Protein backbone atom coordinates (compact mmCIF):
# COMPACT_ATOMS: atom_id res chain seq x y z
CA MET A 1 -114.76 -51.22 90.27
CA ASN A 2 -113.36 -49.61 93.40
CA ILE A 3 -109.93 -49.48 91.78
CA VAL A 4 -111.39 -47.87 88.67
CA LYS A 5 -113.12 -45.25 90.79
CA LEU A 6 -109.96 -44.61 92.76
CA VAL A 7 -107.92 -44.14 89.58
CA ALA A 8 -110.60 -41.81 88.20
CA VAL A 9 -110.57 -39.73 91.38
CA VAL A 10 -106.76 -39.54 91.33
CA LEU A 11 -106.69 -38.51 87.68
CA ILE A 12 -109.37 -35.87 88.20
CA SER A 13 -107.53 -34.55 91.26
CA LEU A 14 -104.28 -34.33 89.31
CA PHE A 15 -106.04 -32.52 86.48
CA VAL A 16 -107.60 -30.00 88.87
CA ALA A 17 -104.27 -29.48 90.63
CA ALA A 18 -102.51 -28.94 87.30
CA CYS A 19 -105.13 -26.40 86.22
CA GLY A 20 -104.74 -24.63 89.54
CA PHE A 21 -100.99 -24.41 89.07
CA PHE A 22 -100.70 -23.63 85.37
CA LYS A 23 -103.93 -21.65 84.91
CA LYS A 24 -104.14 -19.83 88.22
CA GLU A 25 -104.56 -16.49 86.42
CA SER A 26 -107.50 -17.87 84.45
CA ILE A 27 -109.09 -19.22 87.60
CA ALA A 28 -108.54 -15.92 89.41
CA CYS A 29 -110.11 -14.04 86.50
CA GLU A 30 -113.20 -16.22 86.31
CA LEU A 31 -113.79 -16.24 90.07
CA ILE A 32 -112.98 -12.60 90.75
CA GLY A 33 -116.67 -11.84 91.23
CA ILE A 34 -116.77 -13.84 94.47
CA SER A 35 -113.66 -12.16 95.88
CA HIS A 36 -113.29 -8.82 97.63
CA PHE A 37 -112.75 -7.14 94.25
CA ASN A 38 -115.79 -5.08 93.29
CA GLU A 39 -117.18 -4.64 89.77
CA VAL A 40 -117.37 -0.85 89.48
CA SER A 41 -118.36 -0.86 85.81
CA SER A 42 -118.84 -3.50 83.14
CA ASN A 43 -115.86 -5.91 83.30
CA LEU A 44 -113.79 -3.59 85.51
CA TYR A 45 -112.96 -4.92 88.97
CA ILE A 46 -110.95 -3.07 91.62
CA ASP A 47 -110.10 -3.62 95.26
CA GLN A 48 -110.08 -1.20 98.17
CA SER A 49 -106.47 -0.21 97.56
CA ILE A 50 -107.69 1.98 94.68
CA ASP A 51 -109.27 5.17 96.00
CA SER A 52 -112.05 7.13 94.33
CA GLN A 53 -109.72 9.47 92.43
CA GLN A 54 -107.61 6.56 91.18
CA GLN A 55 -110.81 4.87 90.04
CA VAL A 56 -111.81 7.92 88.02
CA ASN A 57 -108.31 8.18 86.56
CA LEU A 58 -108.32 4.49 85.66
CA ALA A 59 -111.68 4.75 83.91
CA HIS A 60 -110.30 7.63 81.82
CA ALA A 61 -107.13 5.67 81.13
CA ILE A 62 -109.16 2.72 79.83
CA GLN A 63 -111.22 5.00 77.58
CA ASN A 64 -108.06 6.61 76.22
CA ALA A 65 -106.43 3.21 75.73
CA VAL A 66 -109.39 1.86 73.73
CA GLN A 67 -109.33 4.97 71.56
CA ARG A 68 -105.59 4.62 71.03
CA VAL A 69 -105.92 1.00 69.94
CA SER A 70 -108.77 2.01 67.62
CA ASN A 71 -106.68 4.78 66.08
CA VAL A 72 -103.70 2.50 65.43
CA TYR A 73 -105.26 -0.85 64.53
CA GLY A 74 -108.99 -0.29 64.23
CA THR A 75 -111.88 -0.74 66.65
CA PRO A 76 -111.23 -3.63 69.04
CA THR A 77 -113.86 -6.34 69.35
CA SER A 78 -112.62 -7.98 72.52
CA ASP A 79 -114.07 -6.95 75.85
CA PRO A 80 -111.52 -8.20 78.36
CA ARG A 81 -112.17 -8.36 82.07
CA ILE A 82 -109.86 -5.82 83.70
CA ILE A 83 -108.83 -6.45 87.30
CA ALA A 84 -106.83 -3.72 89.01
CA THR A 85 -105.10 -3.25 92.33
CA ALA A 86 -102.65 -0.79 93.85
CA GLU A 87 -101.24 -3.58 96.01
CA THR A 88 -98.36 -5.91 95.10
CA LYS A 89 -99.33 -8.85 97.29
CA TYR A 90 -101.45 -10.59 94.63
CA ALA A 91 -98.58 -11.61 92.34
CA LYS A 92 -99.38 -15.31 92.73
CA PHE A 93 -102.84 -14.73 91.22
CA GLY A 94 -101.63 -13.07 88.02
CA PHE A 95 -100.66 -9.57 89.07
CA ASN A 96 -97.25 -8.08 88.63
CA PRO A 97 -96.27 -4.49 89.50
CA THR A 98 -97.22 -3.32 86.00
CA GLY A 99 -99.67 -5.44 84.04
CA MET A 100 -100.24 -8.65 82.15
CA GLN A 101 -102.83 -10.22 79.90
CA SER A 102 -104.08 -13.77 80.31
CA THR A 103 -106.65 -15.84 78.49
CA GLY A 104 -109.31 -17.14 80.84
CA PHE A 105 -111.62 -20.08 80.30
CA PHE A 106 -114.39 -17.93 78.86
CA ARG A 107 -112.84 -14.50 78.24
CA GLU A 108 -109.70 -12.45 77.88
CA CYS A 109 -108.37 -10.99 81.13
CA ILE A 110 -106.07 -8.11 82.03
CA PHE A 111 -104.44 -7.76 85.43
CA LEU A 112 -103.14 -4.31 86.36
CA GLY A 113 -100.74 -3.66 89.21
CA PRO A 114 -99.85 -0.32 90.85
CA LYS A 115 -97.53 0.74 87.99
CA GLY A 116 -100.06 -0.21 85.32
CA LEU A 117 -102.97 2.10 86.11
CA ASN A 118 -102.36 4.25 83.03
CA ALA A 119 -103.33 4.40 79.35
CA ASP A 120 -99.96 3.13 78.11
CA VAL A 121 -100.04 -0.15 79.99
CA VAL A 122 -103.78 -0.64 79.44
CA ALA A 123 -103.42 -0.07 75.68
CA HIS A 124 -100.46 -2.46 75.54
CA GLU A 125 -102.43 -5.22 77.28
CA LEU A 126 -105.58 -4.49 75.25
CA VAL A 127 -103.67 -5.29 72.07
CA HIS A 128 -102.51 -8.60 73.55
CA ALA A 129 -106.14 -9.36 74.41
CA GLU A 130 -107.30 -8.36 70.94
CA VAL A 131 -104.71 -10.51 69.16
CA ARG A 132 -105.67 -13.54 71.22
CA HIS A 133 -109.39 -12.80 70.87
CA ARG A 134 -109.05 -12.74 67.09
CA THR A 135 -106.99 -15.95 66.79
CA ASN A 136 -107.77 -19.52 67.68
CA LEU A 137 -105.58 -21.47 70.08
CA PHE A 138 -103.84 -23.39 67.30
CA VAL A 139 -102.82 -20.16 65.56
CA GLU A 140 -101.67 -18.62 68.82
CA LEU A 141 -99.47 -21.60 69.65
CA THR A 142 -98.04 -22.28 66.19
CA GLN A 143 -98.13 -19.06 64.17
CA LEU A 144 -97.60 -16.02 66.41
CA PRO A 145 -93.97 -15.35 67.34
CA ALA A 146 -93.20 -13.66 70.64
CA TRP A 147 -91.69 -10.58 68.97
CA PHE A 148 -94.93 -10.02 67.03
CA ILE A 149 -97.09 -10.34 70.13
CA GLU A 150 -94.91 -7.95 72.13
CA GLY A 151 -94.16 -5.56 69.29
CA THR A 152 -97.79 -5.00 68.38
CA GLY A 153 -98.52 -4.23 72.02
CA ILE A 154 -95.64 -1.79 72.33
CA GLN A 155 -96.85 -0.01 69.19
CA VAL A 156 -99.57 1.62 71.33
CA ASP A 157 -97.40 1.96 74.43
CA PHE A 158 -96.00 5.49 74.56
CA ARG A 159 -93.85 5.16 77.65
CA SER A 160 -90.51 6.89 77.26
CA PRO A 161 -88.32 3.82 76.52
CA PHE A 162 -90.54 2.91 73.57
CA LEU A 163 -90.48 6.28 71.81
CA LEU A 164 -88.50 6.09 68.58
CA GLU A 165 -86.20 8.94 69.57
CA ASN A 166 -85.10 6.88 72.59
CA ILE A 167 -84.33 3.69 70.66
CA ASP A 168 -80.82 3.01 69.38
CA LEU A 169 -80.50 -0.56 68.17
CA LYS A 170 -78.39 -2.36 65.60
CA HIS A 171 -80.00 -4.47 62.88
CA ASP A 172 -78.45 -7.56 64.47
CA GLU A 173 -80.36 -6.90 67.69
CA VAL A 174 -83.67 -6.75 65.82
CA ASP A 175 -82.78 -9.89 63.85
CA GLU A 176 -81.89 -11.66 67.10
CA ILE A 177 -85.29 -10.98 68.66
CA LYS A 178 -86.99 -12.18 65.46
CA SER A 179 -85.40 -15.57 66.02
CA VAL A 180 -87.43 -16.02 69.22
CA PHE A 181 -90.78 -17.71 68.72
CA TYR A 182 -92.17 -18.80 72.08
CA LEU A 183 -93.09 -16.25 74.73
CA SER A 184 -91.54 -18.56 77.32
CA ASP A 185 -88.20 -18.00 75.54
CA PHE A 186 -88.64 -14.24 75.19
CA PRO A 187 -85.81 -12.50 77.06
CA ASN A 188 -87.97 -10.07 79.02
CA THR A 189 -85.30 -8.87 81.41
CA LYS A 190 -84.16 -5.85 79.39
CA VAL A 191 -86.04 -3.01 77.77
CA GLU A 192 -83.91 -3.42 74.62
CA TYR A 193 -85.68 -6.66 73.81
CA TYR A 194 -89.04 -4.92 73.82
CA GLN A 195 -87.60 -2.08 71.76
CA ALA A 196 -86.32 -4.62 69.23
CA SER A 197 -89.79 -6.19 69.03
CA LEU A 198 -91.26 -2.78 68.29
CA MET A 199 -88.75 -2.16 65.52
CA ALA A 200 -89.47 -5.63 64.10
CA VAL A 201 -93.18 -4.81 63.60
CA LYS A 202 -92.71 -1.18 62.55
CA PRO A 203 -92.66 -1.95 58.80
CA MET A 204 -96.18 -3.41 59.02
CA ASN A 205 -99.15 -1.21 58.22
CA PRO A 206 -101.03 -1.57 61.54
CA LYS A 207 -104.39 -1.22 59.80
CA THR A 208 -103.77 -4.61 58.15
CA MET A 209 -103.16 -6.53 61.37
CA TYR A 210 -106.75 -7.64 61.98
CA SER A 211 -107.17 -8.92 58.42
CA GLY A 212 -103.80 -10.66 58.70
CA LEU A 213 -104.90 -12.47 61.85
CA GLU A 214 -108.09 -13.55 60.10
CA ARG A 215 -106.02 -15.03 57.28
CA LEU A 216 -104.02 -17.02 59.83
CA ASN A 217 -107.28 -18.39 61.24
CA ASN A 218 -108.18 -19.45 57.72
CA GLY A 219 -105.06 -21.59 57.48
CA GLU A 220 -102.44 -19.34 55.90
CA GLN A 221 -98.91 -19.26 57.31
CA PHE A 222 -97.47 -16.33 59.25
CA GLU A 223 -94.55 -15.90 56.86
CA ASP A 224 -96.84 -15.79 53.83
CA VAL A 225 -99.32 -13.37 55.37
CA PHE A 226 -97.03 -10.91 57.07
CA ASN A 227 -94.29 -10.95 54.46
CA GLU A 228 -96.90 -9.22 52.31
CA LEU A 229 -97.81 -6.76 55.06
CA PHE A 230 -94.29 -5.84 56.21
């Protein structure tokens, strides 16, 4: 019995350690309320590195981002927890200098760094949150290619490199990015890869995206659904 208990304790410890390593962003998101980050409005947490004017600007940026996503795709139904800092020292907890979206244990989460406190980055990450909110885990892992996830986010991201007049790509470059399925394989080191993802989703009517995701949840295949929509 003692051996059984010992094995159980070891296995549980390994599981907790693995969660802490692989899901540290999710843990940080769920436990942010007991940290020094303060909830200044519903699901918006900031630390002391963001001053009062930045807080006002961020609130406006979030409002503008939600409106932008609504205008392009339709009203979002997700309500992600947004955690923002002007510091760069929290990278190990999910922050990068710009922004990233992560799925928590009970909610979608968005981490914003000092370069992400604007409507473009917030809108981009809101779309990621919305796509994941509207799809189950099986669909996310087996049906959504990386170029689709990134391209739909960039569609509402109006930073200069993603404006059509600033994009000059060959068809082969777009086809190359469409061969990448997993986000872990997405070559995120150059802006051209994100531009190619945008061009890959451009033929789709954005107003059909939500219904397309619902069809994936109902068991249809990505190629069948989005070949009709592109």
